[in-house]
C-alpha atoms as a PDB file:
ATOM      1  CA  UNK A   1      -0.026  -0.100   0.007  1.00  0.00           C
ATOM      2  CA  UNK A   2       1.213   3.284  -1.039  1.00  0.00           C
ATOM      3  CA  UNK A   3       2.492   5.502   2.157  1.00  0.00           C
ATOM      4  CA  UNK A   4       0.621   8.569   0.755  1.00  0.00           C
ATOM      5  CA  UNK A   5      -2.588   6.230   1.219  1.00  0.00           C
ATOM      6  CA  UNK A   6      -1.681   5.219   5.057  1.00  0.00           C
ATOM      7  CA  UNK A   7      -0.522   8.858   5.801  1.00  0.00           C
ATOM      8  CA  UNK A   8      -4.020  10.621   4.499  1.00  0.00           C
ATOM      9  CA  UNK A   9      -6.350   8.625   7.286  1.00  0.00           C
ATOM     10  CA  UNK A  10      -3.763   9.395   9.928  1.00  0.00           C
ATOM     11  CA  UNK A  11      -5.351  11.321  13.252  1.00  0.00           C
ATOM     12  CA  UNK A  12      -1.506  12.462  14.073  1.00  0.00           C
ATOM     13  CA  UNK A  13      -1.871  12.871  18.071  1.00  0.00           C
ATOM     14  CA  UNK A  14      -0.089  14.457  21.048  1.00  0.00           C
ATOM     15  CA  UNK A  15      -2.356  14.087  23.822  1.00  0.00           C
ATOM     16  CA  UNK A  16      -0.306  13.491  26.668  1.00  0.00           C
ATOM     17  CA  UNK A  17      -0.537  15.138  30.082  1.00  0.00           C
ATOM     18  CA  UNK A  18       3.144  16.730  29.607  1.00  0.00           C
ATOM     19  CA  UNK A  19       2.733  18.109  26.382  1.00  0.00           C
ATOM     20  CA  UNK A  20       4.154  21.096  25.730  1.00  0.00           C
ATOM     21  CA  UNK A  21       3.388  23.853  23.120  1.00  0.00           C
ATOM     22  CA  UNK A  22       6.814  23.247  21.627  1.00  0.00           C
ATOM     23  CA  UNK A  23       5.625  19.489  20.895  1.00  0.00           C
ATOM     24  CA  UNK A  24       2.298  20.473  19.889  1.00  0.00           C
ATOM     25  CA  UNK A  25       4.283  22.961  17.610  1.00  0.00           C
ATOM     26  CA  UNK A  26       6.669  19.679  15.865  1.00  0.00           C
ATOM     27  CA  UNK A  27       3.114  17.578  15.327  1.00  0.00           C
ATOM     28  CA  UNK A  28       1.762  20.253  13.449  1.00  0.00           C
ATOM     29  CA  UNK A  29       4.133  21.009  11.489  1.00  0.00           C
ATOM     30  CA  UNK A  30       4.455  17.154  10.861  1.00  0.00           C
ATOM     31  CA  UNK A  31       0.957  16.567   9.800  1.00  0.00           C
ATOM     32  CA  UNK A  32       1.166  19.200   7.136  1.00  0.00           C
ATOM     33  CA  UNK A  33       4.150  17.984   5.834  1.00  0.00           C
ATOM     34  CA  UNK A  34       2.602  14.640   5.643  1.00  0.00           C
ATOM     35  CA  UNK A  35      -0.334  15.948   4.309  1.00  0.00           C
ATOM     36  CA  UNK A  36      -2.011  13.509   7.182  1.00  0.00           C
ATOM     37  CA  UNK A  37      -5.822  13.349   7.882  1.00  0.00           C
ATOM     38  CA  UNK A  38      -5.579  16.041  11.058  1.00  0.00           C
ATOM     39  CA  UNK A  39      -3.914  16.737  13.949  1.00  0.00           C
ATOM     40  CA  UNK A  40      -5.511  15.603  17.840  1.00  0.00           C
ATOM     41  CA  UNK A  41      -4.015  17.674  20.434  1.00  0.00           C
ATOM     42  CA  UNK A  42      -5.954  18.392  23.995  1.00  0.00           C
ATOM     43  CA  UNK A  43      -8.486  20.747  24.105  1.00  0.00           C
ATOM     44  CA  UNK A  44      -6.029  23.375  25.810  1.00  0.00           C
ATOM     45  CA  UNK A  45      -3.864  23.857  22.540  1.00  0.00           C
ATOM     46  CA  UNK A  46      -6.947  23.969  20.181  1.00  0.00           C
ATOM     47  CA  UNK A  47      -7.108  27.911  19.526  1.00  0.00           C
ATOM     48  CA  UNK A  48      -3.539  28.247  19.445  1.00  0.00           C
ATOM     49  CA  UNK A  49      -3.088  25.280  17.106  1.00  0.00           C
ATOM     50  CA  UNK A  50      -5.717  26.854  14.898  1.00  0.00           C
ATOM     51  CA  UNK A  51      -4.345  29.994  14.543  1.00  0.00           C
ATOM     52  CA  UNK A  52      -0.932  27.997  14.049  1.00  0.00           C
ATOM     53  CA  UNK A  53      -2.135  25.778  11.624  1.00  0.00           C
ATOM     54  CA  UNK A  54      -4.861  27.679  10.000  1.00  0.00           C
ATOM     55  CA  UNK A  55      -6.415  25.963   6.570  1.00  0.00           C
ATOM     56  CA  UNK A  56      -3.563  23.571   6.432  1.00  0.00           C
ATOM     57  CA  UNK A  57      -4.594  20.962   8.884  1.00  0.00           C
ATOM     58  CA  UNK A  58      -7.845  19.852  10.441  1.00  0.00           C
ATOM     59  CA  UNK A  59      -7.724  19.972  14.081  1.00  0.00           C
ATOM     60  CA  UNK A  60      -9.323  17.252  15.949  1.00  0.00           C
ATOM     61  CA  UNK A  61      -9.071  17.601  19.634  1.00  0.00           C
ATOM     62  CA  UNK A  62     -10.972  14.989  22.387  1.00  0.00           C
ATOM     63  CA  UNK A  63     -13.968  15.120  24.657  1.00  0.00           C
ATOM     64  CA  UNK A  64     -14.325  13.480  28.532  1.00  0.00           C
ATOM     65  CA  UNK A  65     -11.212  11.783  27.820  1.00  0.00           C
ATOM     66  CA  UNK A  66      -9.998   9.576  29.127  1.00  0.00           C
ATOM     67  CA  UNK A  67     -12.348   8.336  31.294  1.00  0.00           C
ATOM     68  CA  UNK A  68     -15.630   9.362  30.145  1.00  0.00           C
ATOM     69  CA  UNK A  69     -17.371   9.992  32.739  1.00  0.00           C
ATOM     70  CA  UNK A  70     -17.707  13.486  32.717  1.00  0.00           C
ATOM     71  CA  UNK A  71     -21.442  14.620  32.997  1.00  0.00           C
ATOM     72  CA  UNK A  72     -22.903  14.963  30.077  1.00  0.00           C
ATOM     73  CA  UNK A  73     -23.476  18.443  30.104  1.00  0.00           C
ATOM     74  CA  UNK A  74     -20.214  19.033  30.791  1.00  0.00           C
ATOM     75  CA  UNK A  75     -18.855  17.331  27.756  1.00  0.00           C
ATOM     76  CA  UNK A  76     -21.522  19.071  25.972  1.00  0.00           C
ATOM     77  CA  UNK A  77     -20.443  22.490  26.712  1.00  0.00           C
ATOM     78  CA  UNK A  78     -16.603  20.999  26.275  1.00  0.00           C
ATOM     79  CA  UNK A  79     -17.956  20.370  22.473  1.00  0.00           C
ATOM     80  CA  UNK A  80     -18.760  23.739  22.578  1.00  0.00           C
ATOM     81  CA  UNK A  81     -16.351  25.038  23.525  1.00  0.00           C
ATOM     82  CA  UNK A  82     -13.655  23.264  21.961  1.00  0.00           C
ATOM     83  CA  UNK A  83     -15.304  24.240  18.343  1.00  0.00           C
ATOM     84  CA  UNK A  84     -15.668  27.657  19.172  1.00  0.00           C
ATOM     85  CA  UNK A  85     -12.075  27.937  19.519  1.00  0.00           C
ATOM     86  CA  UNK A  86     -11.310  26.408  16.423  1.00  0.00           C
ATOM     87  CA  UNK A  87     -11.963  22.568  16.445  1.00  0.00           C
ATOM     88  CA  UNK A  88     -12.960  20.520  13.276  1.00  0.00           C
ATOM     89  CA  UNK A  89     -12.938  17.363  14.405  1.00  0.00           C
ATOM     90  CA  UNK A  90     -14.820  15.880  18.009  1.00  0.00           C
ATOM     91  CA  UNK A  91     -13.437  12.365  19.630  1.00  0.00           C
ATOM     92  CA  UNK A  92     -15.555  11.864  22.761  1.00  0.00           C
ATOM     93  CA  UNK A  93     -15.178   9.131  25.161  1.00  0.00           C
ATOM     94  CA  UNK A  94     -18.277   7.140  26.137  1.00  0.00           C
ATOM     95  CA  UNK A  95     -19.899   6.509  29.727  1.00  0.00           C
ATOM     96  CA  UNK A  96     -18.761   2.849  29.924  1.00  0.00           C
ATOM     97  CA  UNK A  97     -20.397   2.742  33.479  1.00  0.00           C
ATOM     98  CA  UNK A  98     -23.627   3.067  31.281  1.00  0.00           C
ATOM     99  CA  UNK A  99     -22.966   0.904  28.976  1.00  0.00           C
ATOM    100  CA  UNK A 100     -22.083  -1.663  31.639  1.00  0.00           C
ATOM    101  CA  UNK A 101     -25.365  -0.660  33.527  1.00  0.00           C
ATOM    102  CA  UNK A 102     -27.080  -1.349  30.305  1.00  0.00           C
ATOM    103  CA  UNK A 103     -28.556   1.843  29.841  1.00  0.00           C
ATOM    104  CA  UNK A 104     -28.059   2.088  26.210  1.00  0.00           C
ATOM    105  CA  UNK A 105     -31.139   4.919  26.523  1.00  0.00           C
ATOM    106  CA  UNK A 106     -28.201   7.055  28.676  1.00  0.00           C
ATOM    107  CA  UNK A 107     -25.449   6.530  26.262  1.00  0.00           C
ATOM    108  CA  UNK A 108     -27.414   7.194  23.001  1.00  0.00           C
ATOM    109  CA  UNK A 109     -28.946  10.636  24.078  1.00  0.00           C
ATOM    110  CA  UNK A 110     -25.333  11.538  25.308  1.00  0.00           C
ATOM    111  CA  UNK A 111     -24.294  10.782  22.260  1.00  0.00           C
ATOM    112  CA  UNK A 112     -26.939  12.512  20.309  1.00  0.00           C
ATOM    113  CA  UNK A 113     -26.344  15.683  22.382  1.00  0.00           C
ATOM    114  CA  UNK A 114     -22.755  15.942  21.470  1.00  0.00           C
ATOM    115  CA  UNK A 115     -23.513  15.154  17.754  1.00  0.00           C
ATOM    116  CA  UNK A 116     -25.888  18.033  17.578  1.00  0.00           C
ATOM    117  CA  UNK A 117     -23.656  20.453  19.677  1.00  0.00           C
ATOM    118  CA  UNK A 118     -21.229  19.503  17.276  1.00  0.00           C
ATOM    119  CA  UNK A 119     -23.127  20.540  13.936  1.00  0.00           C
ATOM    120  CA  UNK A 120     -21.691  19.697  10.819  1.00  0.00           C
ATOM    121  CA  UNK A 121     -18.269  19.112  12.394  1.00  0.00           C
ATOM    122  CA  UNK A 122     -17.234  15.410  12.486  1.00  0.00           C
ATOM    123  CA  UNK A 123     -17.645  13.360  15.979  1.00  0.00           C
ATOM    124  CA  UNK A 124     -15.820  10.312  16.727  1.00  0.00           C
ATOM    125  CA  UNK A 125     -17.280   8.580  19.534  1.00  0.00           C
ATOM    126  CA  UNK A 126     -14.342   6.118  21.169  1.00  0.00           C
ATOM    127  CA  UNK A 127     -15.635   3.300  23.446  1.00  0.00           C
ATOM    128  CA  UNK A 128     -12.329   1.924  24.706  1.00  0.00           C
ATOM    129  CA  UNK A 129     -12.722  -2.029  23.583  1.00  0.00           C
ATOM    130  CA  UNK A 130     -10.129  -2.723  25.925  1.00  0.00           C
ATOM    131  CA  UNK A 131     -12.829  -2.551  28.789  1.00  0.00           C
ATOM    132  CA  UNK A 132     -15.738  -3.946  26.688  1.00  0.00           C
ATOM    133  CA  UNK A 133     -16.834  -7.658  25.855  1.00  0.00           C
ATOM    134  CA  UNK A 134     -17.749  -8.621  22.350  1.00  0.00           C
ATOM    135  CA  UNK A 135     -21.376  -8.025  23.224  1.00  0.00           C
ATOM    136  CA  UNK A 136     -21.009  -4.564  23.958  1.00  0.00           C
ATOM    137  CA  UNK A 137     -18.604  -3.711  21.540  1.00  0.00           C
ATOM    138  CA  UNK A 138     -21.311  -5.194  19.122  1.00  0.00           C
ATOM    139  CA  UNK A 139     -24.432  -2.805  21.214  1.00  0.00           C
ATOM    140  CA  UNK A 140     -22.087  -0.240  21.002  1.00  0.00           C
ATOM    141  CA  UNK A 141     -22.372  -0.300  16.647  1.00  0.00           C
ATOM    142  CA  UNK A 142     -25.365  -0.256  17.148  1.00  0.00           C
ATOM    143  CA  UNK A 143     -25.859   2.697  19.638  1.00  0.00           C
ATOM    144  CA  UNK A 144     -23.330   5.046  17.583  1.00  0.00           C
ATOM    145  CA  UNK A 145     -25.241   3.995  14.626  1.00  0.00           C
ATOM    146  CA  UNK A 146     -28.515   4.817  15.332  1.00  0.00           C
ATOM    147  CA  UNK A 147     -26.800   8.229  16.853  1.00  0.00           C
ATOM    148  CA  UNK A 148     -25.970   9.441  14.038  1.00  0.00           C
ATOM    149  CA  UNK A 149     -22.330  10.031  14.857  1.00  0.00           C
ATOM    150  CA  UNK A 150     -19.429   9.784  11.951  1.00  0.00           C
ATOM    151  CA  UNK A 151     -16.963   7.592  12.963  1.00  0.00           C
ATOM    152  CA  UNK A 152     -16.883   4.513  16.352  1.00  0.00           C
ATOM    153  CA  UNK A 153     -13.349   4.637  17.541  1.00  0.00           C
ATOM    154  CA  UNK A 154     -11.594   1.837  19.507  1.00  0.00           C
ATOM    155  CA  UNK A 155      -9.817   3.044  22.478  1.00  0.00           C
ATOM    156  CA  UNK A 156      -7.851   6.458  24.292  1.00  0.00           C
ATOM    157  CA  UNK A 157      -4.535   4.966  24.001  1.00  0.00           C
ATOM    158  CA  UNK A 158      -4.781   5.750  27.957  1.00  0.00           C
ATOM    159  CA  UNK A 159      -6.054   2.150  29.056  1.00  0.00           C
ATOM    160  CA  UNK A 160      -5.288  -1.874  29.472  1.00  0.00           C
ATOM    161  CA  UNK A 161      -4.993  -1.778  25.206  1.00  0.00           C
ATOM    162  CA  UNK A 162      -5.100   0.109  22.358  1.00  0.00           C
ATOM    163  CA  UNK A 163      -6.854  -1.036  19.003  1.00  0.00           C
ATOM    164  CA  UNK A 164      -6.624  -5.162  17.728  1.00  0.00           C
ATOM    165  CA  UNK A 165      -7.398  -6.340  14.501  1.00  0.00           C
ATOM    166  CA  UNK A 166     -10.548  -7.993  16.026  1.00  0.00           C
ATOM    167  CA  UNK A 167     -12.218  -5.290  17.106  1.00  0.00           C
ATOM    168  CA  UNK A 168     -12.051  -3.370  13.726  1.00  0.00           C
ATOM    169  CA  UNK A 169     -13.121  -6.454  11.931  1.00  0.00           C
ATOM    170  CA  UNK A 170     -15.909  -6.650  14.361  1.00  0.00           C
ATOM    171  CA  UNK A 171     -16.985  -3.320  13.806  1.00  0.00           C
ATOM    172  CA  UNK A 172     -17.361  -3.063   9.932  1.00  0.00           C
ATOM    173  CA  UNK A 173     -19.328  -6.638  10.680  1.00  0.00           C
ATOM    174  CA  UNK A 174     -21.716  -4.302  12.876  1.00  0.00           C
ATOM    175  CA  UNK A 175     -21.565  -0.912  12.214  1.00  0.00           C
ATOM    176  CA  UNK A 176     -24.045   0.899   9.836  1.00  0.00           C
ATOM    177  CA  UNK A 177     -23.351   2.057   6.818  1.00  0.00           C
ATOM    178  CA  UNK A 178     -23.169   5.270   7.424  1.00  0.00           C
ATOM    179  CA  UNK A 179     -20.110   4.938   9.684  1.00  0.00           C
ATOM    180  CA  UNK A 180     -16.789   5.399   9.767  1.00  0.00           C
ATOM    181  CA  UNK A 181     -14.261   3.462  11.998  1.00  0.00           C
ATOM    182  CA  UNK A 182     -11.268   4.897  13.466  1.00  0.00           C
ATOM    183  CA  UNK A 183      -8.618   2.530  15.093  1.00  0.00           C
ATOM    184  CA  UNK A 184      -6.281   4.604  17.558  1.00  0.00           C
ATOM    185  CA  UNK A 185      -3.869   3.095  20.240  1.00  0.00           C
ATOM    186  CA  UNK A 186      -0.569   0.786  19.508  1.00  0.00           C
ATOM    187  CA  UNK A 187      -0.742   1.342  15.960  1.00  0.00           C
ATOM    188  CA  UNK A 188       3.277   1.133  15.755  1.00  0.00           C
ATOM    189  CA  UNK A 189       4.209  -0.076  11.930  1.00  0.00           C
ATOM    190  CA  UNK A 190       3.568   0.245   8.782  1.00  0.00           C
ATOM    191  CA  UNK A 191       2.240  -2.926   8.748  1.00  0.00           C
ATOM    192  CA  UNK A 192      -0.017  -2.443  11.025  1.00  0.00           C
ATOM    193  CA  UNK A 193      -1.770   0.656   9.732  1.00  0.00           C
ATOM    194  CA  UNK A 194      -1.887  -0.991   6.269  1.00  0.00           C
ATOM    195  CA  UNK A 195      -3.619  -4.103   7.910  1.00  0.00           C
ATOM    196  CA  UNK A 196      -6.150  -1.952  10.043  1.00  0.00           C
ATOM    197  CA  UNK A 197      -7.007  -0.322   6.857  1.00  0.00           C
ATOM    198  CA  UNK A 198      -7.345  -3.633   5.156  1.00  0.00           C
ATOM    199  CA  UNK A 199     -10.232  -4.879   7.497  1.00  0.00           C
ATOM    200  CA  UNK A 200     -11.869  -1.529   7.228  1.00  0.00           C
ATOM    201  CA  UNK A 201     -10.639   1.473   9.531  1.00  0.00           C
ATOM    202  CA  UNK A 202     -10.966   4.927   7.139  1.00  0.00           C
ATOM    203  CA  UNK A 203      -9.034   6.898  10.345  1.00  0.00           C
ATOM    204  CA  UNK A 204      -5.682   5.876  12.359  1.00  0.00           C
ATOM    205  CA  UNK A 205      -4.709   7.172  15.628  1.00  0.00           C
ATOM    206  CA  UNK A 206      -1.224   7.604  16.270  1.00  0.00           C
ATOM    207  CA  UNK A 207       1.683   8.937  16.760  1.00  0.00           C
ATOM    208  CA  UNK A 208       4.493   6.873  16.057  1.00  0.00           C
ATOM    209  CA  UNK A 209       3.617   6.231  12.003  1.00  0.00           C
ATOM    210  CA  UNK A 210       4.888   9.741  11.262  1.00  0.00           C
ATOM    211  CA  UNK A 211       7.801   9.439  13.820  1.00  0.00           C
ATOM    212  CA  UNK A 212       8.548   6.218  12.000  1.00  0.00           C
ATOM    213  CA  UNK A 213       8.622   7.729   8.752  1.00  0.00           C
ATOM    214  CA  UNK A 214      10.748  11.031   9.990  1.00  0.00           C
ATOM    215  CA  UNK A 215      13.312   8.039  11.483  1.00  0.00           C
ATOM    216  CA  UNK A 216      13.640   5.480   7.930  1.00  0.00           C
ATOM    217  CA  UNK A 217      14.192   8.958   6.404  1.00  0.00           C
ATOM    218  CA  UNK A 218      17.145  10.369   8.844  1.00  0.00           C
ATOM    219  CA  UNK A 219      15.131  13.445  10.202  1.00  0.00           C
ATOM    220  CA  UNK A 220      13.782  11.503  13.223  1.00  0.00           C
ATOM    221  CA  UNK A 221      12.941  13.439  16.552  1.00  0.00           C
END
C-alpha cells in the first residue's frame, strides 16, 4: 500500500499530560508536511493550534477524555467550546459505567446531544474496546449508528490496550453503513496501519507512524 494512502488516514496525535507547545507545534509541522487527515491535540491547545495551522490542517480534539465519566452537560459544553475555539473534529469518550449498567438510552442520548453540539463537524465516538465484552462492542456499534455519529473509535490509548485487528473486523461487521471506523492506540508499524485499513478502518489514531517515517528518512525527532 502506498504510504501516502496511509498518511491521509492518520490523525497525528499528541495527548500526553505533559505535552508542551513546542511539542504540539512539532506535530503540527509534521502533520502538514505529511498531509495527514488531522492533528489530534488536547482541548487547551485548540485555539493556539488553529491559529498556527490555519486552513492547512484539520484540528481534532478530545472530549470527556480519557475516562468518559464527565456529566453529559460538561461534555456538551466542552464540545461547544472546542468548536468555538476552532476544532474541526471531536473525539468523545462514552460513559462506560452506563454501558455496563445497560442504560443504553442514556448512552445514546449523550452521543446525540454531543453530535447536535458538533453541528456539521465530525464526531468520533471512543468506546474503549479493551474494557468491553464483544456483546458490548456490538451494542455500541448499534448505538453509535443510531446516534448519527460519523465514526466509532476503538480506544483512547490511555487504558489497558489499544486497537486490535479483531475489534476493527467486528466493527466492520456490525456498524451502520454511514459510520466509519477509527483504530487508535498501539499502531506501531506501517504493516499494522495497512492491516487496519484493509479490515475497514478509515482513520488511524497514532503518534508513531509519522515518527517512524521521519526516522526512516533520517529526519527523526
